[in-house]
Amino acid sequence: MAEKLTTEKKQTPNTLFGKENYIWILAGLVVMLLGLLLMAGGNSKDPNVFTNDEVYSFRRITLAPIVILLGLGIEVFAIFRKPKS
């Protein structure tokens, strides 16, 4: 009988992203979560009266959306970054 010559190659799973990409994706999610936490709060004690001007603070109107957009930018970077081979 003729012996079959087989070469066993270790096949690595063909994943879409590399390990570093997933780390960047996680970092982007953490930054976006931080932005959402900065935006939270400022509720009124009486639901019928809105007298709390804390909602219009610099932190909620300016800083939080900038942090969220920064997190989205990190996500775009993580998606388009080429994994090292």
C-alpha atoms as a PDB file:
ATOM      1  CA  MET A   1       0.000   0.000   0.000  1.00  0.00           C
ATOM      2  CA  ALA A   2       1.163   3.424  -0.769  1.00  0.00           C
ATOM      3  CA  GLU A   3       1.494   5.629   2.218  1.00  0.00           C
ATOM      4  CA  LYS A   4      -0.156   8.985   2.044  1.00  0.00           C
ATOM      5  CA  LEU A   5       2.152  11.842   2.811  1.00  0.00           C
ATOM      6  CA  THR A   6       0.298  14.357   4.849  1.00  0.00           C
ATOM      7  CA  THR A   7       1.714  17.542   6.097  1.00  0.00           C
ATOM      8  CA  GLU A   8       0.095  18.794   9.196  1.00  0.00           C
ATOM      9  CA  LYS A   9      -0.027  22.539   9.308  1.00  0.00           C
ATOM     10  CA  LYS A  10      -1.154  24.302  12.373  1.00  0.00           C
ATOM     11  CA  GLN A  11      -4.000  26.442  11.251  1.00  0.00           C
ATOM     12  CA  THR A  12      -4.551  29.501  13.320  1.00  0.00           C
ATOM     13  CA  PRO A  13      -8.104  30.707  13.543  1.00  0.00           C
ATOM     14  CA  ASN A  14      -8.661  33.466  11.038  1.00  0.00           C
ATOM     15  CA  THR A  15     -10.077  36.161  13.295  1.00  0.00           C
ATOM     16  CA  LEU A  16     -11.224  39.508  12.050  1.00  0.00           C
ATOM     17  CA  PHE A  17      -9.230  41.523  14.582  1.00  0.00           C
ATOM     18  CA  GLY A  18      -6.014  40.972  16.480  1.00  0.00           C
ATOM     19  CA  LYS A  19      -5.535  41.095  20.235  1.00  0.00           C
ATOM     20  CA  GLU A  20      -4.426  44.733  20.154  1.00  0.00           C
ATOM     21  CA  ASN A  21      -7.555  45.676  18.217  1.00  0.00           C
ATOM     22  CA  TYR A  22      -9.733  44.181  20.913  1.00  0.00           C
ATOM     23  CA  ILE A  23      -7.802  46.089  23.574  1.00  0.00           C
ATOM     24  CA  TRP A  24      -8.413  49.341  21.658  1.00  0.00           C
ATOM     25  CA  ILE A  25     -12.111  48.461  21.288  1.00  0.00           C
ATOM     26  CA  LEU A  26     -12.373  47.881  25.032  1.00  0.00           C
ATOM     27  CA  ALA A  27     -10.597  51.180  25.720  1.00  0.00           C
ATOM     28  CA  GLY A  28     -13.051  53.001  23.452  1.00  0.00           C
ATOM     29  CA  LEU A  29     -15.997  51.450  25.260  1.00  0.00           C
ATOM     30  CA  VAL A  30     -14.568  52.510  28.627  1.00  0.00           C
ATOM     31  CA  VAL A  31     -14.106  56.101  27.397  1.00  0.00           C
ATOM     32  CA  MET A  32     -17.691  56.196  26.087  1.00  0.00           C
ATOM     33  CA  LEU A  33     -18.977  54.810  29.384  1.00  0.00           C
ATOM     34  CA  LEU A  34     -17.053  57.547  31.196  1.00  0.00           C
ATOM     35  CA  GLY A  35     -18.742  60.138  28.981  1.00  0.00           C
ATOM     36  CA  LEU A  36     -22.158  58.712  29.783  1.00  0.00           C
ATOM     37  CA  LEU A  37     -21.379  58.786  33.502  1.00  0.00           C
ATOM     38  CA  LEU A  38     -20.314  62.424  33.202  1.00  0.00           C
ATOM     39  CA  MET A  39     -23.645  63.209  31.568  1.00  0.00           C
ATOM     40  CA  ALA A  40     -25.767  61.412  34.191  1.00  0.00           C
ATOM     41  CA  GLY A  41     -27.513  63.014  37.138  1.00  0.00           C
ATOM     42  CA  GLY A  42     -29.084  66.403  37.696  1.00  0.00           C
ATOM     43  CA  ASN A  43     -32.566  65.190  38.521  1.00  0.00           C
ATOM     44  CA  SER A  44     -35.136  67.271  40.363  1.00  0.00           C
ATOM     45  CA  LYS A  45     -36.675  66.271  43.684  1.00  0.00           C
ATOM     46  CA  ASP A  46     -40.156  67.277  42.522  1.00  0.00           C
ATOM     47  CA  PRO A  47     -41.099  65.762  39.143  1.00  0.00           C
ATOM     48  CA  ASN A  48     -43.634  68.545  38.506  1.00  0.00           C
ATOM     49  CA  VAL A  49     -41.124  71.396  38.891  1.00  0.00           C
ATOM     50  CA  PHE A  50     -37.918  71.785  36.925  1.00  0.00           C
ATOM     51  CA  THR A  51     -35.719  74.208  38.837  1.00  0.00           C
ATOM     52  CA  ASN A  52     -32.407  72.397  38.791  1.00  0.00           C
ATOM     53  CA  ASP A  53     -29.976  74.340  36.587  1.00  0.00           C
ATOM     54  CA  GLU A  54     -27.292  71.719  37.214  1.00  0.00           C
ATOM     55  CA  VAL A  55     -28.388  70.044  33.973  1.00  0.00           C
ATOM     56  CA  TYR A  56     -26.870  72.946  32.008  1.00  0.00           C
ATOM     57  CA  SER A  57     -23.417  72.659  33.564  1.00  0.00           C
ATOM     58  CA  PHE A  58     -20.196  72.608  31.540  1.00  0.00           C
ATOM     59  CA  ARG A  59     -19.664  68.977  32.455  1.00  0.00           C
ATOM     60  CA  ARG A  60     -22.970  67.789  30.974  1.00  0.00           C
ATOM     61  CA  ILE A  61     -23.294  70.116  27.988  1.00  0.00           C
ATOM     62  CA  THR A  62     -19.691  70.268  26.740  1.00  0.00           C
ATOM     63  CA  LEU A  63     -17.320  67.823  28.402  1.00  0.00           C
ATOM     64  CA  ALA A  64     -19.445  64.654  28.305  1.00  0.00           C
ATOM     65  CA  PRO A  65     -20.272  64.818  24.562  1.00  0.00           C
ATOM     66  CA  ILE A  66     -16.607  65.500  23.742  1.00  0.00           C
ATOM     67  CA  VAL A  67     -15.553  62.461  25.784  1.00  0.00           C
ATOM     68  CA  ILE A  68     -18.171  60.302  24.040  1.00  0.00           C
ATOM     69  CA  LEU A  69     -16.985  61.485  20.612  1.00  0.00           C
ATOM     70  CA  LEU A  70     -13.410  60.737  21.652  1.00  0.00           C
ATOM     71  CA  GLY A  71     -14.505  57.196  22.554  1.00  0.00           C
ATOM     72  CA  LEU A  72     -16.165  56.818  19.161  1.00  0.00           C
ATOM     73  CA  GLY A  73     -12.959  58.007  17.512  1.00  0.00           C
ATOM     74  CA  ILE A  74     -11.017  55.350  19.420  1.00  0.00           C
ATOM     75  CA  GLU A  75     -13.519  52.747  18.185  1.00  0.00           C
ATOM     76  CA  VAL A  76     -13.025  53.824  14.565  1.00  0.00           C
ATOM     77  CA  PHE A  77      -9.255  53.664  15.051  1.00  0.00           C
ATOM     78  CA  ALA A  78      -9.566  50.183  16.571  1.00  0.00           C
ATOM     79  CA  ILE A  79     -11.650  48.915  13.673  1.00  0.00           C
ATOM     80  CA  PHE A  80      -9.411  50.290  10.914  1.00  0.00           C
ATOM     81  CA  ARG A  81      -6.082  49.436  12.579  1.00  0.00           C
ATOM     82  CA  LYS A  82      -4.298  46.621  10.812  1.00  0.00           C
ATOM     83  CA  PRO A  83      -3.441  43.750  13.140  1.00  0.00           C
ATOM     84  CA  LYS A  84       0.213  42.781  13.291  1.00  0.00           C
ATOM     85  CA  SER A  85       0.842  39.481  11.569  1.00  0.00           C
END
